């Protein structure tokens, strides 16, 4: 058996067993955490407020891009002629989702979908874009904003909304999507800051957005015949949920104030 060290000609030699033991200890210890300036910079960059600042910068950049490129001109200029059919609808769905993240109003995008692709393909494209945009906004808010914003939920209304979304996320988001009085972007980021899961959020968004989205898409598809029954029914479907939502909010105002 070899000793930890042996002497040969006055020279100390480390045994293989001792070397293996030292390597095992060093490996178990893991990598050394960064210290000094690098550690401080890392903490600052990964802090909740730095991530929230990044989120605000991304949203501001997206809104600026929309203002420069003006996607609403699709309503008057039409879709590029080199794209058509399902490919154009898929491209529009992606553009739709990005535009909703940049705060482009969904009614305008829904009208454009109907005018460009008709009722059926326009509805499929608009719903896909709705779910995509909501998912992007939710993930951005959850990763970059939740940790910084949750400590600020101190008001009665904010606490009530957070508790409702955290405990009854699917049902609450479904109601928010069905009634057009709740802003789309606000619902996305409120859900992201709450403890609601991503899958219930996306499912409630997809189901709850169907009626309102369909009404706008049909209105856009039949805009050339404003006296047609389909166009008039679509207008009624747009107006009635809004009136119903306003009535419910008016009846519930005292209960919300009491929470």
Protein backbone atom coordinates (compact mmCIF):
# COMPACT_ATOMS: atom_id res chain seq x y z
CA UNK A 1 0.00 0.00 0.00
CA UNK A 2 1.32 3.43 -0.93
CA UNK A 3 1.58 6.14 1.70
CA UNK A 4 0.25 9.64 1.15
CA UNK A 5 3.82 10.71 0.37
CA UNK A 6 7.03 8.73 -0.26
CA UNK A 7 10.55 10.02 -0.32
CA UNK A 8 12.90 9.08 -3.12
CA UNK A 9 16.20 10.84 -3.19
CA UNK A 10 14.95 13.56 -0.82
CA UNK A 11 12.02 14.43 -3.10
CA UNK A 12 8.40 14.24 -1.82
CA UNK A 13 6.04 12.45 -4.20
CA UNK A 14 2.23 12.61 -3.86
CA UNK A 15 0.55 9.25 -4.13
CA UNK A 16 -2.21 8.64 -6.70
CA UNK A 17 -4.73 8.01 -3.93
CA UNK A 18 -4.07 11.39 -2.32
CA UNK A 19 -4.34 13.16 -5.68
CA UNK A 20 -7.68 11.49 -6.44
CA UNK A 21 -9.01 12.46 -3.02
CA UNK A 22 -8.10 16.12 -3.52
CA UNK A 23 -9.73 16.18 -6.98
CA UNK A 24 -12.91 14.66 -5.59
CA UNK A 25 -13.10 17.29 -2.84
CA UNK A 26 -12.52 20.10 -5.35
CA UNK A 27 -15.21 18.75 -7.67
CA UNK A 28 -17.74 18.40 -4.87
CA UNK A 29 -17.12 21.97 -3.81
CA UNK A 30 -18.46 23.20 -7.21
CA UNK A 31 -17.54 26.38 -9.06
CA UNK A 32 -16.49 29.37 -7.07
CA UNK A 33 -19.13 32.09 -6.98
CA UNK A 34 -18.07 35.39 -8.55
CA UNK A 35 -17.01 38.03 -6.11
CA UNK A 36 -16.21 41.70 -6.21
CA UNK A 37 -17.31 43.91 -9.10
CA UNK A 38 -18.61 41.04 -11.25
CA UNK A 39 -20.93 39.85 -8.47
CA UNK A 40 -22.31 43.35 -7.88
CA UNK A 41 -22.93 43.90 -11.60
CA UNK A 42 -24.68 40.52 -11.85
CA UNK A 43 -26.93 41.31 -8.88
CA UNK A 44 -27.86 44.70 -10.34
CA UNK A 45 -28.63 43.31 -13.80
CA UNK A 46 -30.76 40.47 -12.42
CA UNK A 47 -32.55 42.55 -9.79
CA UNK A 48 -36.36 42.83 -10.04
CA UNK A 49 -36.28 46.54 -10.85
CA UNK A 50 -33.70 46.07 -13.60
CA UNK A 51 -35.88 43.43 -15.21
CA UNK A 52 -38.93 45.67 -14.88
CA UNK A 53 -37.00 48.50 -16.54
CA UNK A 54 -36.11 46.14 -19.36
CA UNK A 55 -39.78 45.23 -19.77
CA UNK A 56 -40.79 48.89 -19.97
CA UNK A 57 -38.03 49.57 -22.49
CA UNK A 58 -39.18 46.65 -24.66
CA UNK A 59 -42.79 47.82 -24.60
CA UNK A 60 -41.81 51.40 -25.41
CA UNK A 61 -39.69 50.18 -28.31
CA UNK A 62 -42.53 48.05 -29.62
CA UNK A 63 -44.99 50.93 -29.42
CA UNK A 64 -42.54 53.22 -31.22
CA UNK A 65 -42.06 50.64 -33.97
CA UNK A 66 -45.82 50.41 -34.47
CA UNK A 67 -46.10 54.18 -34.74
CA UNK A 68 -43.37 54.23 -37.38
CA UNK A 69 -44.64 51.34 -39.52
CA UNK A 70 -48.38 52.01 -39.05
CA UNK A 71 -49.87 48.53 -39.49
CA UNK A 72 -53.36 50.03 -39.48
CA UNK A 73 -52.78 50.96 -43.11
CA UNK A 74 -53.58 47.33 -43.96
CA UNK A 75 -57.21 48.38 -43.75
CA UNK A 76 -56.78 50.73 -46.73
CA UNK A 77 -53.79 49.30 -48.65
CA UNK A 78 -54.53 45.59 -48.26
CA UNK A 79 -52.17 42.65 -47.76
CA UNK A 80 -49.01 42.35 -49.91
CA UNK A 81 -50.00 40.62 -53.17
CA UNK A 82 -47.18 38.05 -52.98
CA UNK A 83 -48.80 36.46 -49.93
CA UNK A 84 -52.11 34.69 -50.08
CA UNK A 85 -54.28 32.04 -48.48
CA UNK A 86 -53.16 30.20 -45.36
CA UNK A 87 -49.62 31.58 -45.56
CA UNK A 88 -50.92 35.14 -45.42
CA UNK A 89 -53.28 34.28 -42.57
CA UNK A 90 -50.43 32.72 -40.58
CA UNK A 91 -48.19 35.72 -41.20
CA UNK A 92 -51.01 38.01 -40.14
CA UNK A 93 -51.53 36.01 -36.94
CA UNK A 94 -47.87 36.50 -36.00
CA UNK A 95 -48.05 40.21 -36.83
CA UNK A 96 -51.31 40.45 -34.89
CA UNK A 97 -49.73 38.96 -31.77
CA UNK A 98 -46.74 41.30 -31.91
CA UNK A 99 -48.99 44.30 -32.48
CA UNK A 100 -51.12 43.51 -29.41
CA UNK A 101 -47.96 43.44 -27.30
CA UNK A 102 -47.25 46.92 -28.69
CA UNK A 103 -50.73 48.10 -27.56
CA UNK A 104 -52.36 48.23 -31.00
CA UNK A 105 -56.14 48.05 -30.34
CA UNK A 106 -57.53 44.58 -31.06
CA UNK A 107 -60.79 45.83 -32.59
CA UNK A 108 -58.78 47.46 -35.36
CA UNK A 109 -56.80 44.26 -35.95
CA UNK A 110 -59.97 42.16 -35.95
CA UNK A 111 -61.64 44.42 -38.51
CA UNK A 112 -58.54 44.16 -40.68
CA UNK A 113 -58.54 40.36 -40.41
CA UNK A 114 -62.12 40.20 -41.65
CA UNK A 115 -61.51 42.68 -44.45
CA UNK A 116 -58.38 40.84 -45.64
CA UNK A 117 -59.34 37.17 -45.27
CA UNK A 118 -63.11 36.97 -44.88
CA UNK A 119 -65.07 35.64 -41.94
CA UNK A 120 -63.72 32.11 -41.45
CA UNK A 121 -60.02 32.46 -42.23
CA UNK A 122 -60.01 35.93 -40.67
CA UNK A 123 -61.46 34.59 -37.42
CA UNK A 124 -58.90 31.77 -37.24
CA UNK A 125 -56.04 34.21 -37.87
CA UNK A 126 -57.33 36.76 -35.36
CA UNK A 127 -57.84 34.17 -32.61
CA UNK A 128 -54.38 32.71 -33.18
CA UNK A 129 -52.89 36.20 -32.99
CA UNK A 130 -54.88 36.94 -29.85
CA UNK A 131 -53.58 33.88 -28.02
CA UNK A 132 -50.03 34.48 -29.28
CA UNK A 133 -50.00 38.12 -28.19
CA UNK A 134 -51.51 37.29 -24.81
CA UNK A 135 -48.94 34.53 -24.25
CA UNK A 136 -46.02 36.81 -25.14
CA UNK A 137 -47.28 39.55 -22.84
CA UNK A 138 -47.91 37.08 -20.01
CA UNK A 139 -44.42 35.56 -20.25
CA UNK A 140 -42.75 38.97 -20.42
CA UNK A 141 -44.72 40.21 -17.43
CA UNK A 142 -44.10 37.04 -15.42
CA UNK A 143 -40.33 36.89 -16.04
CA UNK A 144 -39.51 40.60 -16.03
CA UNK A 145 -42.18 42.26 -13.90
CA UNK A 146 -43.79 39.96 -11.36
CA UNK A 147 -41.09 40.03 -8.69
CA UNK A 148 -40.88 43.82 -8.72
CA UNK A 149 -44.61 44.54 -8.90
CA UNK A 150 -46.07 42.05 -6.43
CA UNK A 151 -44.83 44.01 -3.36
CA UNK A 152 -46.75 47.04 -4.72
CA UNK A 153 -50.15 45.28 -4.58
CA UNK A 154 -51.35 47.16 -1.50
CA UNK A 155 -54.54 48.91 -2.61
CA UNK A 156 -57.93 47.29 -2.00
CA UNK A 157 -58.76 46.98 -5.69
CA UNK A 158 -55.33 45.64 -6.57
CA UNK A 159 -55.42 43.07 -3.78
CA UNK A 160 -58.93 42.01 -4.76
CA UNK A 161 -57.97 41.57 -8.43
CA UNK A 162 -54.79 39.69 -7.52
CA UNK A 163 -56.62 37.36 -5.16
CA UNK A 164 -59.35 36.66 -7.71
CA UNK A 165 -56.86 35.86 -10.47
CA UNK A 166 -54.64 33.79 -8.19
CA UNK A 167 -57.48 31.66 -6.74
CA UNK A 168 -59.92 31.54 -9.67
CA UNK A 169 -57.67 32.29 -12.62
CA UNK A 170 -59.49 30.50 -15.45
CA UNK A 171 -62.96 31.69 -14.46
CA UNK A 172 -61.84 35.26 -13.85
CA UNK A 173 -59.87 35.53 -17.09
CA UNK A 174 -62.73 33.98 -19.05
CA UNK A 175 -65.07 36.67 -17.70
CA UNK A 176 -62.53 39.39 -18.47
CA UNK A 177 -62.25 38.23 -22.08
CA UNK A 178 -65.99 37.90 -22.57
CA UNK A 179 -66.71 41.47 -21.47
CA UNK A 180 -64.94 43.99 -23.74
CA UNK A 181 -64.74 46.64 -21.02
CA UNK A 182 -61.52 45.10 -19.63
CA UNK A 183 -58.49 46.28 -21.65
CA UNK A 184 -56.68 43.39 -23.30
CA UNK A 185 -53.15 44.48 -22.32
CA UNK A 186 -54.16 45.29 -18.75
CA UNK A 187 -55.67 41.82 -18.29
CA UNK A 188 -52.50 40.22 -19.68
CA UNK A 189 -50.15 41.95 -17.27
CA UNK A 190 -52.46 41.64 -14.27
CA UNK A 191 -52.59 37.89 -14.84
CA UNK A 192 -48.80 37.80 -15.22
CA UNK A 193 -48.23 39.57 -11.91
CA UNK A 194 -50.72 37.28 -10.15
CA UNK A 195 -50.07 33.61 -9.41
CA UNK A 196 -52.25 32.37 -12.25
CA UNK A 197 -50.83 29.58 -14.42
CA UNK A 198 -49.97 30.05 -18.08
CA UNK A 199 -52.11 27.19 -19.43
CA UNK A 200 -55.40 28.33 -17.78
CA UNK A 201 -54.62 31.86 -18.93
CA UNK A 202 -54.18 30.84 -22.57
CA UNK A 203 -57.22 28.56 -22.56
CA UNK A 204 -59.46 31.23 -21.01
CA UNK A 205 -58.13 33.77 -23.50
CA UNK A 206 -58.86 31.50 -26.47
CA UNK A 207 -62.40 30.64 -25.36
CA UNK A 208 -63.39 34.03 -24.00
CA UNK A 209 -62.15 35.96 -27.03
CA UNK A 210 -64.26 34.06 -29.58
CA UNK A 211 -67.54 36.04 -29.41
CA UNK A 212 -66.08 39.53 -29.50
CA UNK A 213 -63.41 38.64 -32.04
CA UNK A 214 -65.95 36.95 -34.32
CA UNK A 215 -68.22 39.98 -34.20
CA UNK A 216 -65.46 42.36 -35.29
CA UNK A 217 -64.15 39.99 -37.96
CA UNK A 218 -67.61 39.56 -39.49
CA UNK A 219 -68.12 43.33 -39.37
CA UNK A 220 -64.83 43.80 -41.20
CA UNK A 221 -65.69 41.15 -43.78
CA UNK A 222 -69.13 42.69 -44.46
CA UNK A 223 -68.12 46.35 -44.20
CA UNK A 224 -68.82 46.83 -47.90
CA UNK A 225 -72.50 45.97 -47.29
CA UNK A 226 -73.40 47.86 -44.10
CA UNK A 227 -77.11 47.14 -44.46
CA UNK A 228 -76.71 43.36 -44.67
CA UNK A 229 -78.14 41.23 -41.84
CA UNK A 230 -74.68 39.78 -41.04
CA UNK A 231 -73.18 43.24 -40.58
CA UNK A 232 -76.07 44.43 -38.39
CA UNK A 233 -75.94 41.29 -36.24
CA UNK A 234 -72.19 41.75 -35.82
CA UNK A 235 -72.71 45.33 -34.67
CA UNK A 236 -75.30 44.13 -32.15
CA UNK A 237 -72.90 41.49 -30.85
CA UNK A 238 -70.27 44.21 -30.38
CA UNK A 239 -72.58 46.61 -28.57
CA UNK A 240 -74.58 44.28 -26.33
CA UNK A 241 -71.66 42.73 -24.37
CA UNK A 242 -70.28 46.20 -23.76
CA UNK A 243 -73.60 47.38 -22.36
CA UNK A 244 -73.93 44.23 -20.26
CA UNK A 245 -70.42 44.67 -18.88
CA UNK A 246 -71.12 48.29 -17.97
CA UNK A 247 -74.33 47.25 -16.19
CA UNK A 248 -72.58 44.51 -14.19
CA UNK A 249 -69.77 46.89 -13.21
CA UNK A 250 -72.32 49.47 -12.07
CA UNK A 251 -74.13 46.92 -9.90
CA UNK A 252 -70.90 45.57 -8.39
CA UNK A 253 -69.29 48.94 -7.64
CA UNK A 254 -70.34 49.01 -3.93
CA UNK A 255 -69.11 45.45 -3.34
CA UNK A 256 -65.74 46.23 -4.90
CA UNK A 257 -65.36 49.32 -2.74
CA UNK A 258 -66.10 47.31 0.37
CA UNK A 259 -63.28 44.78 -0.19
